[in-house]
PDB file of N, CA and C in Angstrom:
ATOM      1  N   UNK A   1       0.584  47.624-225.989  1.00  0.00           N
ATOM      2  CA  UNK A   1      -0.654  47.525-226.592  1.00  0.00           C
ATOM      3  C   UNK A   1      -0.379  46.827-228.039  1.00  0.00           C
ATOM      4  N   UNK A   2      -0.834  45.361-227.831  1.00  0.00           N
ATOM      5  CA  UNK A   2      -0.896  44.818-229.244  1.00  0.00           C
ATOM      6  C   UNK A   2      -1.953  45.534-230.414  1.00  0.00           C
ATOM      7  N   UNK A   3      -0.991  45.395-231.380  1.00  0.00           N
ATOM      8  CA  UNK A   3      -1.730  45.652-233.043  1.00  0.00           C
ATOM      9  C   UNK A   3      -2.353  44.516-233.374  1.00  0.00           C
ATOM     10  N   UNK A   4      -4.069  44.521-233.272  1.00  0.00           N
ATOM     11  CA  UNK A   4      -4.792  43.484-233.517  1.00  0.00           C
ATOM     12  C   UNK A   4      -5.162  43.185-235.211  1.00  0.00           C
ATOM     13  N   UNK A   5      -4.389  44.048-235.832  1.00  0.00           N
ATOM     14  CA  UNK A   5      -3.985  43.954-237.439  1.00  0.00           C
ATOM     15  C   UNK A   5      -3.390  43.032-238.139  1.00  0.00           C
ATOM     16  N   UNK A   6      -3.622  42.244-239.013  1.00  0.00           N
ATOM     17  CA  UNK A   6      -2.556  41.322-239.867  1.00  0.00           C
ATOM     18  C   UNK A   6      -2.883  41.141-241.026  1.00  0.00           C
ATOM     19  N   UNK A   7      -1.469  41.221-241.663  1.00  0.00           N
ATOM     20  CA  UNK A   7      -1.057  41.477-242.903  1.00  0.00           C
ATOM     21  C   UNK A   7      -0.405  40.432-243.447  1.00  0.00           C
ATOM     22  N   UNK A   8      -0.888  40.148-244.636  1.00  0.00           N
ATOM     23  CA  UNK A   8      -0.702  38.803-245.324  1.00  0.00           C
ATOM     24  C   UNK A   8       0.596  39.651-246.481  1.00  0.00           C
ATOM     25  N   UNK A   9       1.917  39.051-246.398  1.00  0.00           N
ATOM     26  CA  UNK A   9       2.662  39.371-247.204  1.00  0.00           C
ATOM     27  C   UNK A   9       3.118  38.222-248.453  1.00  0.00           C
ATOM     28  N   UNK A  10       3.113  38.812-249.663  1.00  0.00           N
ATOM     29  CA  UNK A  10       3.148  37.807-250.873  1.00  0.00           C
ATOM     30  C   UNK A  10       4.286  38.370-251.804  1.00  0.00           C
ATOM     31  N   UNK A  11       5.613  37.916-251.483  1.00  0.00           N
ATOM     32  CA  UNK A  11       6.555  37.959-252.326  1.00  0.00           C
ATOM     33  C   UNK A  11       7.572  36.869-252.369  1.00  0.00           C
ATOM     34  N   UNK A  12       8.264  36.428-253.609  1.00  0.00           N
ATOM     35  CA  UNK A  12       8.840  34.945-253.748  1.00  0.00           C
ATOM     36  C   UNK A  12      10.046  35.273-253.030  1.00  0.00           C
ATOM     37  N   UNK A  13      10.888  36.192-252.991  1.00  0.00           N
ATOM     38  CA  UNK A  13      11.962  36.558-252.282  1.00  0.00           C
ATOM     39  C   UNK A  13      11.784  36.836-251.119  1.00  0.00           C
ATOM     40  N   UNK A  14      12.402  35.313-250.514  1.00  0.00           N
ATOM     41  CA  UNK A  14      11.843  35.053-249.311  1.00  0.00           C
ATOM     42  C   UNK A  14      12.803  35.994-248.317  1.00  0.00           C
ATOM     43  N   UNK A  15      13.583  36.294-248.653  1.00  0.00           N
ATOM     44  CA  UNK A  15      14.834  37.086-247.531  1.00  0.00           C
ATOM     45  C   UNK A  15      13.539  38.508-247.533  1.00  0.00           C
ATOM     46  N   UNK A  16      13.554  39.025-248.433  1.00  0.00           N
ATOM     47  CA  UNK A  16      12.282  40.234-248.558  1.00  0.00           C
ATOM     48  C   UNK A  16      10.916  39.991-247.704  1.00  0.00           C
ATOM     49  N   UNK A  17       9.959  38.894-247.914  1.00  0.00           N
ATOM     50  CA  UNK A  17       9.028  38.447-246.903  1.00  0.00           C
ATOM     51  C   UNK A  17       9.662  38.767-245.457  1.00  0.00           C
ATOM     52  N   UNK A  18      11.059  37.864-245.156  1.00  0.00           N
ATOM     53  CA  UNK A  18      10.655  37.551-243.804  1.00  0.00           C
ATOM     54  C   UNK A  18      11.272  38.965-243.248  1.00  0.00           C
ATOM     55  N   UNK A  19      12.416  39.737-243.930  1.00  0.00           N
ATOM     56  CA  UNK A  19      12.670  41.194-243.607  1.00  0.00           C
ATOM     57  C   UNK A  19      11.284  41.712-243.057  1.00  0.00           C
ATOM     58  N   UNK A  20      10.433  41.643-243.951  1.00  0.00           N
ATOM     59  CA  UNK A  20       8.854  42.527-243.497  1.00  0.00           C
ATOM     60  C   UNK A  20       8.525  42.101-242.628  1.00  0.00           C
ATOM     61  N   UNK A  21       7.908  40.930-242.517  1.00  0.00           N
ATOM     62  CA  UNK A  21       7.683  40.269-241.049  1.00  0.00           C
ATOM     63  C   UNK A  21       8.025  40.764-240.280  1.00  0.00           C
ATOM     64  N   UNK A  22       9.620  40.519-240.217  1.00  0.00           N
ATOM     65  CA  UNK A  22      10.288  41.034-238.505  1.00  0.00           C
ATOM     66  C   UNK A  22      10.008  42.091-238.285  1.00  0.00           C
ATOM     67  N   UNK A  23      10.200  43.319-239.414  1.00  0.00           N
ATOM     68  CA  UNK A  23       9.948  44.772-239.080  1.00  0.00           C
ATOM     69  C   UNK A  23       8.122  45.032-238.740  1.00  0.00           C
ATOM     70  N   UNK A  24       7.398  44.573-239.657  1.00  0.00           N
ATOM     71  CA  UNK A  24       5.831  44.956-239.097  1.00  0.00           C
ATOM     72  C   UNK A  24       5.696  44.185-237.776  1.00  0.00           C
ATOM     73  N   UNK A  25       6.347  43.194-237.273  1.00  0.00           N
ATOM     74  CA  UNK A  25       6.377  42.410-235.754  1.00  0.00           C
ATOM     75  C   UNK A  25       6.386  43.828-235.123  1.00  0.00           C
ATOM     76  N   UNK A  26       7.769  44.337-235.391  1.00  0.00           N
ATOM     77  CA  UNK A  26       8.403  45.277-234.342  1.00  0.00           C
ATOM     78  C   UNK A  26       6.945  46.115-234.012  1.00  0.00           C
ATOM     79  N   UNK A  27       6.741  46.627-235.143  1.00  0.00           N
ATOM     80  CA  UNK A  27       5.302  47.761-234.857  1.00  0.00           C
ATOM     81  C   UNK A  27       3.798  47.008-234.848  1.00  0.00           C
ATOM     82  N   UNK A  28       3.833  45.683-234.096  1.00  0.00           N
ATOM     83  CA  UNK A  28       3.364  44.840-233.717  1.00  0.00           C
ATOM     84  C   UNK A  28       1.854  44.365-234.342  1.00  0.00           C
ATOM     85  N   UNK A  29       2.216  44.328-236.293  1.00  0.00           N
ATOM     86  CA  UNK A  29       1.122  43.673-236.898  1.00  0.00           C
ATOM     87  C   UNK A  29       1.534  42.128-236.661  1.00  0.00           C
ATOM     88  N   UNK A  30       0.536  41.580-237.066  1.00  0.00           N
ATOM     89  CA  UNK A  30       0.420  39.778-237.223  1.00  0.00           C
ATOM     90  C   UNK A  30       0.565  39.762-238.846  1.00  0.00           C
ATOM     91  N   UNK A  31       1.713  39.168-238.619  1.00  0.00           N
ATOM     92  CA  UNK A  31       2.308  38.814-240.308  1.00  0.00           C
ATOM     93  C   UNK A  31       2.309  37.366-240.550  1.00  0.00           C
ATOM     94  N   UNK A  32       1.866  37.059-241.750  1.00  0.00           N
ATOM     95  CA  UNK A  32       1.973  36.081-242.260  1.00  0.00           C
ATOM     96  C   UNK A  32       2.553  36.131-243.729  1.00  0.00           C
ATOM     97  N   UNK A  33       3.538  35.537-244.418  1.00  0.00           N
ATOM     98  CA  UNK A  33       4.423  35.336-245.491  1.00  0.00           C
ATOM     99  C   UNK A  33       4.471  34.399-246.661  1.00  0.00           C
ATOM    100  N   UNK A  34       3.810  34.551-247.516  1.00  0.00           N
ATOM    101  CA  UNK A  34       3.916  33.298-248.496  1.00  0.00           C
ATOM    102  C   UNK A  34       4.320  34.080-249.879  1.00  0.00           C
ATOM    103  N   UNK A  35       5.277  32.703-250.351  1.00  0.00           N
ATOM    104  CA  UNK A  35       5.513  33.069-251.819  1.00  0.00           C
ATOM    105  C   UNK A  35       4.988  32.373-252.791  1.00  0.00           C
ATOM    106  N   UNK A  36       3.936  32.042-252.832  1.00  0.00           N
ATOM    107  CA  UNK A  36       3.054  31.943-253.206  1.00  0.00           C
ATOM    108  C   UNK A  36       1.886  32.442-253.883  1.00  0.00           C
ATOM    109  N   UNK A  37       1.747  32.957-254.820  1.00  0.00           N
ATOM    110  CA  UNK A  37       0.618  33.938-255.210  1.00  0.00           C
ATOM    111  C   UNK A  37      -0.694  33.365-255.028  1.00  0.00           C
ATOM    112  N   UNK A  38      -0.791  31.844-255.697  1.00  0.00           N
ATOM    113  CA  UNK A  38      -2.088  31.119-255.717  1.00  0.00           C
ATOM    114  C   UNK A  38      -2.341  30.985-254.635  1.00  0.00           C
ATOM    115  N   UNK A  39      -1.771  31.262-253.303  1.00  0.00           N
ATOM    116  CA  UNK A  39      -2.355  30.969-251.863  1.00  0.00           C
ATOM    117  C   UNK A  39      -2.705  32.056-251.467  1.00  0.00           C
ATOM    118  N   UNK A  40      -2.684  33.268-251.923  1.00  0.00           N
ATOM    119  CA  UNK A  40      -3.311  34.477-251.121  1.00  0.00           C
ATOM    120  C   UNK A  40      -4.312  34.455-250.909  1.00  0.00           C
ATOM    121  N   UNK A  41      -5.532  33.961-251.979  1.00  0.00           N
ATOM    122  CA  UNK A  41      -6.757  34.475-251.523  1.00  0.00           C
ATOM    123  C   UNK A  41      -7.536  33.289-250.478  1.00  0.00           C
ATOM    124  N   UNK A  42      -6.817  32.275-250.093  1.00  0.00           N
ATOM    125  CA  UNK A  42      -7.132  31.316-249.195  1.00  0.00           C
ATOM    126  C   UNK A  42      -6.555  31.436-247.638  1.00  0.00           C
ATOM    127  N   UNK A  43      -5.574  32.405-247.969  1.00  0.00           N
ATOM    128  CA  UNK A  43      -4.229  32.865-246.745  1.00  0.00           C
ATOM    129  C   UNK A  43      -5.431  33.578-246.416  1.00  0.00           C
ATOM    130  N   UNK A  44      -6.078  34.812-247.095  1.00  0.00           N
ATOM    131  CA  UNK A  44      -6.722  35.973-246.710  1.00  0.00           C
ATOM    132  C   UNK A  44      -7.822  35.493-245.746  1.00  0.00           C
ATOM    133  N   UNK A  45      -8.838  34.261-246.349  1.00  0.00           N
ATOM    134  CA  UNK A  45      -9.846  34.109-245.534  1.00  0.00           C
ATOM    135  C   UNK A  45      -9.873  33.170-244.390  1.00  0.00           C
ATOM    136  N   UNK A  46      -8.760  32.474-244.382  1.00  0.00           N
ATOM    137  CA  UNK A  46      -8.494  31.656-243.463  1.00  0.00           C
ATOM    138  C   UNK A  46      -7.727  32.302-242.027  1.00  0.00           C
ATOM    139  N   UNK A  47      -6.909  33.423-242.713  1.00  0.00           N
ATOM    140  CA  UNK A  47      -6.138  34.398-241.223  1.00  0.00           C
ATOM    141  C   UNK A  47      -7.109  35.649-240.779  1.00  0.00           C
ATOM    142  N   UNK A  48      -8.187  35.560-241.327  1.00  0.00           N
ATOM    143  CA  UNK A  48      -8.740  36.781-241.526  1.00  0.00           C
ATOM    144  C   UNK A  48      -7.818  38.254-241.844  1.00  0.00           C
ATOM    145  N   UNK A  49      -7.379  38.230-242.649  1.00  0.00           N
ATOM    146  CA  UNK A  49      -6.259  39.462-243.090  1.00  0.00           C
ATOM    147  C   UNK A  49      -7.101  40.704-243.136  1.00  0.00           C
ATOM    148  N   UNK A  50      -6.105  41.441-242.244  1.00  0.00           N
ATOM    149  CA  UNK A  50      -6.790  42.917-242.540  1.00  0.00           C
ATOM    150  C   UNK A  50      -6.270  43.621-243.955  1.00  0.00           C
ATOM    151  N   UNK A  51      -4.471  43.227-244.402  1.00  0.00           N
ATOM    152  CA  UNK A  51      -4.243  44.051-245.375  1.00  0.00           C
ATOM    153  C   UNK A  51      -3.172  42.940-246.142  1.00  0.00           C
ATOM    154  N   UNK A  52      -2.995  43.235-247.725  1.00  0.00           N
ATOM    155  CA  UNK A  52      -2.226  42.257-248.252  1.00  0.00           C
ATOM    156  C   UNK A  52      -1.073  43.265-248.720  1.00  0.00           C
ATOM    157  N   UNK A  53       0.121  42.956-248.540  1.00  0.00           N
ATOM    158  CA  UNK A  53       1.501  43.749-248.872  1.00  0.00           C
ATOM    159  C   UNK A  53       1.755  42.892-250.468  1.00  0.00           C
ATOM    160  N   UNK A  54       1.344  42.816-251.493  1.00  0.00           N
ATOM    161  CA  UNK A  54       1.821  42.316-252.724  1.00  0.00           C
ATOM    162  C   UNK A  54       2.740  43.114-253.535  1.00  0.00           C
ATOM    163  N   UNK A  55       3.700  41.635-254.082  1.00  0.00           N
ATOM    164  CA  UNK A  55       4.765  42.161-255.111  1.00  0.00           C
ATOM    165  C   UNK A  55       4.229  42.111-256.513  1.00  0.00           C
ATOM    166  N   UNK A  56       4.879  43.044-257.370  1.00  0.00           N
ATOM    167  CA  UNK A  56       4.260  43.170-258.932  1.00  0.00           C
ATOM    168  C   UNK A  56       4.475  41.747-259.508  1.00  0.00           C
ATOM    169  N   UNK A  57       5.596  41.225-258.847  1.00  0.00           N
ATOM    170  CA  UNK A  57       5.866  39.885-260.020  1.00  0.00           C
ATOM    171  C   UNK A  57       6.534  38.600-258.838  1.00  0.00           C
ATOM    172  N   UNK A  58       5.849  38.379-258.827  1.00  0.00           N
ATOM    173  CA  UNK A  58       5.719  36.954-258.223  1.00  0.00           C
ATOM    174  C   UNK A  58       5.972  35.674-258.825  1.00  0.00           C
ATOM    175  N   UNK A  59       7.295  34.562-258.297  1.00  0.00           N
ATOM    176  CA  UNK A  59       7.206  33.288-259.371  1.00  0.00           C
ATOM    177  C   UNK A  59       6.454  33.463-261.027  1.00  0.00           C
ATOM    178  N   UNK A  60       6.893  34.670-261.323  1.00  0.00           N
ATOM    179  CA  UNK A  60       6.911  34.665-263.017  1.00  0.00           C
ATOM    180  C   UNK A  60       5.294  35.069-263.151  1.00  0.00           C
ATOM    181  N   UNK A  61       4.632  35.030-261.889  1.00  0.00           N
ATOM    182  CA  UNK A  61       2.545  35.595-261.969  1.00  0.00           C
ATOM    183  C   UNK A  61       3.330  37.131-261.801  1.00  0.00           C
ATOM    184  N   UNK A  62       2.244  37.692-262.897  1.00  0.00           N
ATOM    185  CA  UNK A  62       2.319  39.227-262.329  1.00  0.00           C
ATOM    186  C   UNK A  62       1.342  39.160-261.246  1.00  0.00           C
ATOM    187  N   UNK A  63       1.353  40.346-260.570  1.00  0.00           N
ATOM    188  CA  UNK A  63       1.019  40.496-259.200  1.00  0.00           C
ATOM    189  C   UNK A  63      -0.507  41.284-259.422  1.00  0.00           C
ATOM    190  N   UNK A  64      -0.439  41.966-261.041  1.00  0.00           N
ATOM    191  CA  UNK A  64      -1.407  42.867-260.687  1.00  0.00           C
ATOM    192  C   UNK A  64      -2.646  41.740-261.016  1.00  0.00           C
ATOM    193  N   UNK A  65      -2.523  40.474-261.591  1.00  0.00           N
ATOM    194  CA  UNK A  65      -3.175  39.287-261.745  1.00  0.00           C
ATOM    195  C   UNK A  65      -4.355  38.736-260.352  1.00  0.00           C
ATOM    196  N   UNK A  66      -3.276  39.037-259.745  1.00  0.00           N
ATOM    197  CA  UNK A  66      -3.144  38.153-258.334  1.00  0.00           C
ATOM    198  C   UNK A  66      -4.190  39.020-257.531  1.00  0.00           C
ATOM    199  N   UNK A  67      -4.136  40.724-257.647  1.00  0.00           N
ATOM    200  CA  UNK A  67      -4.226  41.727-257.078  1.00  0.00           C
ATOM    201  C   UNK A  67      -5.883  41.664-257.982  1.00  0.00           C
ATOM    202  N   UNK A  68      -6.279  41.286-259.054  1.00  0.00           N
ATOM    203  CA  UNK A  68      -7.698  41.073-259.657  1.00  0.00           C
ATOM    204  C   UNK A  68      -8.284  39.929-259.212  1.00  0.00           C
ATOM    205  N   UNK A  69      -7.676  39.182-259.094  1.00  0.00           N
ATOM    206  CA  UNK A  69      -7.929  37.775-258.521  1.00  0.00           C
ATOM    207  C   UNK A  69      -8.857  38.044-257.429  1.00  0.00           C
ATOM    208  N   UNK A  70      -8.127  38.906-256.204  1.00  0.00           N
ATOM    209  CA  UNK A  70      -8.774  39.093-254.973  1.00  0.00           C
ATOM    210  C   UNK A  70     -10.053  39.941-254.801  1.00  0.00           C
ATOM    211  N   UNK A  71      -9.609  40.910-255.912  1.00  0.00           N
ATOM    212  CA  UNK A  71     -10.817  41.836-255.839  1.00  0.00           C
ATOM    213  C   UNK A  71     -12.532  41.015-256.615  1.00  0.00           C
ATOM    214  N   UNK A  72     -12.121  40.210-257.845  1.00  0.00           N
ATOM    215  CA  UNK A  72     -13.251  39.446-258.152  1.00  0.00           C
ATOM    216  C   UNK A  72     -13.984  38.197-256.925  1.00  0.00           C
ATOM    217  N   UNK A  73     -13.141  38.091-256.306  1.00  0.00           N
ATOM    218  CA  UNK A  73     -13.439  36.796-255.051  1.00  0.00           C
ATOM    219  C   UNK A  73     -14.616  37.910-253.709  1.00  0.00           C
ATOM    220  N   UNK A  74     -15.696  37.139-254.136  1.00  0.00           N
ATOM    221  CA  UNK A  74     -16.429  37.909-252.725  1.00  0.00           C
ATOM    222  C   UNK A  74     -15.742  37.817-251.654  1.00  0.00           C
ATOM    223  N   UNK A  75     -14.846  36.859-251.401  1.00  0.00           N
ATOM    224  CA  UNK A  75     -14.485  36.503-249.642  1.00  0.00           C
ATOM    225  C   UNK A  75     -13.663  37.750-249.124  1.00  0.00           C
ATOM    226  N   UNK A  76     -12.828  38.025-250.569  1.00  0.00           N
ATOM    227  CA  UNK A  76     -11.709  39.001-250.164  1.00  0.00           C
ATOM    228  C   UNK A  76     -11.839  40.548-250.572  1.00  0.00           C
ATOM    229  N   UNK A  77     -12.660  40.563-251.650  1.00  0.00           N
ATOM    230  CA  UNK A  77     -12.982  41.890-252.538  1.00  0.00           C
ATOM    231  C   UNK A  77     -12.514  42.870-251.801  1.00  0.00           C
ATOM    232  N   UNK A  78     -13.083  42.938-249.942  1.00  0.00           N
ATOM    233  CA  UNK A  78     -13.023  44.366-249.675  1.00  0.00           C
ATOM    234  C   UNK A  78     -11.644  44.168-248.669  1.00  0.00           C
ATOM    235  N   UNK A  79     -10.713  43.413-248.643  1.00  0.00           N
ATOM    236  CA  UNK A  79      -9.094  43.281-248.221  1.00  0.00           C
ATOM    237  C   UNK A  79      -8.274  44.366-249.124  1.00  0.00           C
ATOM    238  N   UNK A  80      -8.053  45.748-247.882  1.00  0.00           N
ATOM    239  CA  UNK A  80      -6.839  46.296-248.720  1.00  0.00           C
ATOM    240  C   UNK A  80      -5.636  45.436-249.372  1.00  0.00           C
ATOM    241  N   UNK A  81      -5.223  46.074-250.443  1.00  0.00           N
ATOM    242  CA  UNK A  81      -4.033  45.622-250.979  1.00  0.00           C
ATOM    243  C   UNK A  81      -3.045  46.655-251.493  1.00  0.00           C
ATOM    244  N   UNK A  82      -1.725  46.807-250.924  1.00  0.00           N
ATOM    245  CA  UNK A  82      -0.876  47.590-251.238  1.00  0.00           C
ATOM    246  C   UNK A  82      -0.064  46.666-251.874  1.00  0.00           C
ATOM    247  N   UNK A  83       0.265  47.236-253.404  1.00  0.00           N
ATOM    248  CA  UNK A  83       0.983  46.717-254.463  1.00  0.00           C
ATOM    249  C   UNK A  83       2.694  47.098-254.192  1.00  0.00           C
ATOM    250  N   UNK A  84       3.767  46.311-254.571  1.00  0.00           N
ATOM    251  CA  UNK A  84       5.062  46.735-254.142  1.00  0.00           C
ATOM    252  C   UNK A  84       5.936  46.436-255.913  1.00  0.00           C
ATOM    253  N   UNK A  85       6.574  47.310-255.802  1.00  0.00           N
ATOM    254  CA  UNK A  85       7.940  47.082-257.240  1.00  0.00           C
ATOM    255  C   UNK A  85       8.921  47.834-257.249  1.00  0.00           C
ATOM    256  N   UNK A  86       9.963  47.393-257.670  1.00  0.00           N
ATOM    257  CA  UNK A  86      10.957  48.411-258.436  1.00  0.00           C
ATOM    258  C   UNK A  86      11.074  49.075-259.670  1.00  0.00           C
ATOM    259  N   UNK A  87       9.445  48.884-260.188  1.00  0.00           N
ATOM    260  CA  UNK A  87       9.242  49.474-261.334  1.00  0.00           C
ATOM    261  C   UNK A  87       8.871  50.492-261.165  1.00  0.00           C
ATOM    262  N   UNK A  88       9.151  51.885-261.199  1.00  0.00           N
ATOM    263  CA  UNK A  88       8.675  52.786-260.281  1.00  0.00           C
ATOM    264  C   UNK A  88       7.313  53.358-261.275  1.00  0.00           C
ATOM    265  N   UNK A  89       7.128  53.145-262.362  1.00  0.00           N
ATOM    266  CA  UNK A  89       5.971  53.587-263.179  1.00  0.00           C
ATOM    267  C   UNK A  89       5.217  52.287-262.936  1.00  0.00           C
ATOM    268  N   UNK A  90       5.161  51.486-262.259  1.00  0.00           N
ATOM    269  CA  UNK A  90       4.315  50.483-262.277  1.00  0.00           C
ATOM    270  C   UNK A  90       2.844  50.984-261.318  1.00  0.00           C
ATOM    271  N   UNK A  91       3.052  51.939-260.913  1.00  0.00           N
ATOM    272  CA  UNK A  91       1.447  52.473-259.769  1.00  0.00           C
ATOM    273  C   UNK A  91      -0.042  52.483-260.697  1.00  0.00           C
ATOM    274  N   UNK A  92       0.178  53.158-261.668  1.00  0.00           N
ATOM    275  CA  UNK A  92      -1.153  52.710-262.444  1.00  0.00           C
ATOM    276  C   UNK A  92      -1.770  51.679-262.971  1.00  0.00           C
ATOM    277  N   UNK A  93      -0.489  50.741-263.491  1.00  0.00           N
ATOM    278  CA  UNK A  93      -1.073  49.643-263.703  1.00  0.00           C
ATOM    279  C   UNK A  93      -1.863  49.214-262.392  1.00  0.00           C
ATOM    280  N   UNK A  94      -1.232  48.846-260.971  1.00  0.00           N
ATOM    281  CA  UNK A  94      -1.324  48.167-259.819  1.00  0.00           C
ATOM    282  C   UNK A  94      -2.896  49.048-259.316  1.00  0.00           C
ATOM    283  N   UNK A  95      -3.143  50.005-259.623  1.00  0.00           N
ATOM    284  CA  UNK A  95      -4.508  50.750-259.214  1.00  0.00           C
ATOM    285  C   UNK A  95      -5.434  50.391-260.250  1.00  0.00           C
ATOM    286  N   UNK A  96      -5.314  50.159-261.620  1.00  0.00           N
ATOM    287  CA  UNK A  96      -5.952  49.453-262.213  1.00  0.00           C
ATOM    288  C   UNK A  96      -6.827  48.448-261.501  1.00  0.00           C
ATOM    289  N   UNK A  97      -5.724  47.263-261.443  1.00  0.00           N
ATOM    290  CA  UNK A  97      -5.899  45.999-260.892  1.00  0.00           C
ATOM    291  C   UNK A  97      -6.768  46.054-259.628  1.00  0.00           C
ATOM    292  N   UNK A  98      -7.081  47.433-259.092  1.00  0.00           N
ATOM    293  CA  UNK A  98      -7.822  46.948-258.063  1.00  0.00           C
ATOM    294  C   UNK A  98      -6.748  47.668-256.326  1.00  0.00           C
ATOM    295  N   UNK A  99      -5.277  47.556-256.826  1.00  0.00           N
ATOM    296  CA  UNK A  99      -4.532  47.878-255.624  1.00  0.00           C
ATOM    297  C   UNK A  99      -5.026  49.101-254.903  1.00  0.00           C
ATOM    298  N   UNK A 100      -5.385  49.172-253.447  1.00  0.00           N
ATOM    299  CA  UNK A 100      -5.537  50.685-253.102  1.00  0.00           C
ATOM    300  C   UNK A 100      -4.151  51.669-252.963  1.00  0.00           C
ATOM    301  N   UNK A 101      -3.162  51.110-253.278  1.00  0.00           N
ATOM    302  CA  UNK A 101      -1.920  52.224-252.819  1.00  0.00           C
ATOM    303  C   UNK A 101      -0.814  51.306-253.655  1.00  0.00           C
ATOM    304  N   UNK A 102       0.218  51.865-254.126  1.00  0.00           N
ATOM    305  CA  UNK A 102       1.073  51.609-254.793  1.00  0.00           C
ATOM    306  C   UNK A 102       2.608  51.924-253.891  1.00  0.00           C
ATOM    307  N   UNK A 103       3.647  51.036-253.897  1.00  0.00           N
ATOM    308  CA  UNK A 103       4.683  51.438-252.911  1.00  0.00           C
ATOM    309  C   UNK A 103       5.880  51.147-253.894  1.00  0.00           C
ATOM    310  N   UNK A 104       6.911  51.876-254.307  1.00  0.00           N
ATOM    311  CA  UNK A 104       7.887  51.669-255.145  1.00  0.00           C
ATOM    312  C   UNK A 104       9.071  51.601-254.444  1.00  0.00           C
ATOM    313  N   UNK A 105       9.855  50.008-254.775  1.00  0.00           N
ATOM    314  CA  UNK A 105      10.838  49.764-254.054  1.00  0.00           C
ATOM    315  C   UNK A 105      12.221  50.473-254.395  1.00  0.00           C
ATOM    316  N   UNK A 106      13.381  50.694-253.913  1.00  0.00           N
ATOM    317  CA  UNK A 106      13.189  50.464-252.139  1.00  0.00           C
ATOM    318  C   UNK A 106      12.534  51.264-251.814  1.00  0.00           C
ATOM    319  N   UNK A 107      12.074  51.456-250.406  1.00  0.00           N
ATOM    320  CA  UNK A 107      11.312  51.977-249.570  1.00  0.00           C
ATOM    321  C   UNK A 107      11.843  52.370-248.424  1.00  0.00           C
ATOM    322  N   UNK A 108      11.430  53.240-247.521  1.00  0.00           N
ATOM    323  CA  UNK A 108      11.933  53.398-245.945  1.00  0.00           C
ATOM    324  C   UNK A 108      10.283  52.671-245.312  1.00  0.00           C
ATOM    325  N   UNK A 109      11.119  51.938-244.339  1.00  0.00           N
ATOM    326  CA  UNK A 109       9.959  51.307-243.151  1.00  0.00           C
ATOM    327  C   UNK A 109       8.712  52.271-242.729  1.00  0.00           C
ATOM    328  N   UNK A 110       9.443  53.762-242.473  1.00  0.00           N
ATOM    329  CA  UNK A 110       8.365  54.236-242.034  1.00  0.00           C
ATOM    330  C   UNK A 110       7.864  54.976-242.649  1.00  0.00           C
ATOM    331  N   UNK A 111       8.066  55.110-243.921  1.00  0.00           N
ATOM    332  CA  UNK A 111       7.131  55.484-244.996  1.00  0.00           C
ATOM    333  C   UNK A 111       5.980  54.393-245.267  1.00  0.00           C
ATOM    334  N   UNK A 112       6.442  52.665-245.607  1.00  0.00           N
ATOM    335  CA  UNK A 112       5.667  51.884-245.148  1.00  0.00           C
ATOM    336  C   UNK A 112       4.394  51.894-244.147  1.00  0.00           C
ATOM    337  N   UNK A 113       4.814  51.728-243.090  1.00  0.00           N
ATOM    338  CA  UNK A 113       4.321  51.871-241.996  1.00  0.00           C
ATOM    339  C   UNK A 113       3.106  53.044-242.011  1.00  0.00           C
ATOM    340  N   UNK A 114       3.698  54.331-242.683  1.00  0.00           N
ATOM    341  CA  UNK A 114       2.616  54.945-242.786  1.00  0.00           C
ATOM    342  C   UNK A 114       1.482  55.212-244.026  1.00  0.00           C
ATOM    343  N   UNK A 115       1.877  54.386-244.973  1.00  0.00           N
ATOM    344  CA  UNK A 115       1.065  53.662-246.063  1.00  0.00           C
ATOM    345  C   UNK A 115       0.156  53.288-245.278  1.00  0.00           C
ATOM    346  N   UNK A 116       0.461  51.668-244.936  1.00  0.00           N
ATOM    347  CA  UNK A 116      -0.263  50.796-244.069  1.00  0.00           C
ATOM    348  C   UNK A 116      -1.105  51.297-243.426  1.00  0.00           C
ATOM    349  N   UNK A 117      -1.199  52.413-242.424  1.00  0.00           N
ATOM    350  CA  UNK A 117      -1.831  52.843-241.657  1.00  0.00           C
ATOM    351  C   UNK A 117      -2.627  54.044-242.328  1.00  0.00           C
ATOM    352  N   UNK A 118      -2.156  54.333-243.419  1.00  0.00           N
ATOM    353  CA  UNK A 118      -3.596  55.249-244.581  1.00  0.00           C
ATOM    354  C   UNK A 118      -4.381  54.347-244.819  1.00  0.00           C
ATOM    355  N   UNK A 119      -3.951  52.938-245.129  1.00  0.00           N
ATOM    356  CA  UNK A 119      -4.897  52.180-246.081  1.00  0.00           C
ATOM    357  C   UNK A 119      -5.936  51.691-244.949  1.00  0.00           C
ATOM    358  N   UNK A 120      -5.585  51.330-243.894  1.00  0.00           N
ATOM    359  CA  UNK A 120      -6.251  50.616-242.707  1.00  0.00           C
ATOM    360  C   UNK A 120      -7.602  51.567-242.596  1.00  0.00           C
ATOM    361  N   UNK A 121      -7.021  53.084-242.250  1.00  0.00           N
ATOM    362  CA  UNK A 121      -7.695  53.854-241.985  1.00  0.00           C
ATOM    363  C   UNK A 121      -8.664  53.982-242.724  1.00  0.00           C
ATOM    364  N   UNK A 122      -8.828  53.969-244.058  1.00  0.00           N
ATOM    365  CA  UNK A 122      -9.495  54.366-244.887  1.00  0.00           C
ATOM    366  C   UNK A 122     -10.515  52.860-245.386  1.00  0.00           C
ATOM    367  N   UNK A 123     -12.294  53.753-244.923  1.00  0.00           N
ATOM    368  CA  UNK A 123     -13.143  52.672-245.123  1.00  0.00           C
ATOM    369  C   UNK A 123     -13.812  52.521-245.929  1.00  0.00           C
ATOM    370  N   UNK A 124     -13.168  53.302-247.038  1.00  0.00           N
ATOM    371  CA  UNK A 124     -14.058  53.158-247.996  1.00  0.00           C
ATOM    372  C   UNK A 124     -13.637  51.888-249.265  1.00  0.00           C
ATOM    373  N   UNK A 125     -14.686  50.995-249.183  1.00  0.00           N
ATOM    374  CA  UNK A 125     -14.229  49.672-250.316  1.00  0.00           C
ATOM    375  C   UNK A 125     -14.015  50.179-251.680  1.00  0.00           C
ATOM    376  N   UNK A 126     -13.115  49.752-252.294  1.00  0.00           N
ATOM    377  CA  UNK A 126     -12.378  49.320-253.614  1.00  0.00           C
ATOM    378  C   UNK A 126     -13.771  48.970-254.799  1.00  0.00           C
ATOM    379  N   UNK A 127     -14.649  49.890-255.864  1.00  0.00           N
ATOM    380  CA  UNK A 127     -15.338  49.496-256.126  1.00  0.00           C
ATOM    381  C   UNK A 127     -15.033  48.551-257.256  1.00  0.00           C
TER     382      UNK A 127
END
């Protein structure tokens, strides 16, 4: 059975982006990867993305600003966002920016899949 859920990975480390793509495709997610945070909102709309995995720091851009932009855009405001960072204490900042969840790097793939499934099953939009 093919998973119809589409995930956008936004991370400026192409190695991490491609690794996540490969692993998520193993779990039958459809995955788009970008290293350019300014493309996120357009890709969400264009590819009908169901969830965004967003790094905290992307090419000198703060991921919380990208997340806040996603929330302010009417076309993308309800798209779930999970932020990721090696800064383990960044969770509160990410949630204040509108992230549905936060995952500290490094993480186990099973943990990531559990969090993705949890966020995708939550029908409540972010206020």
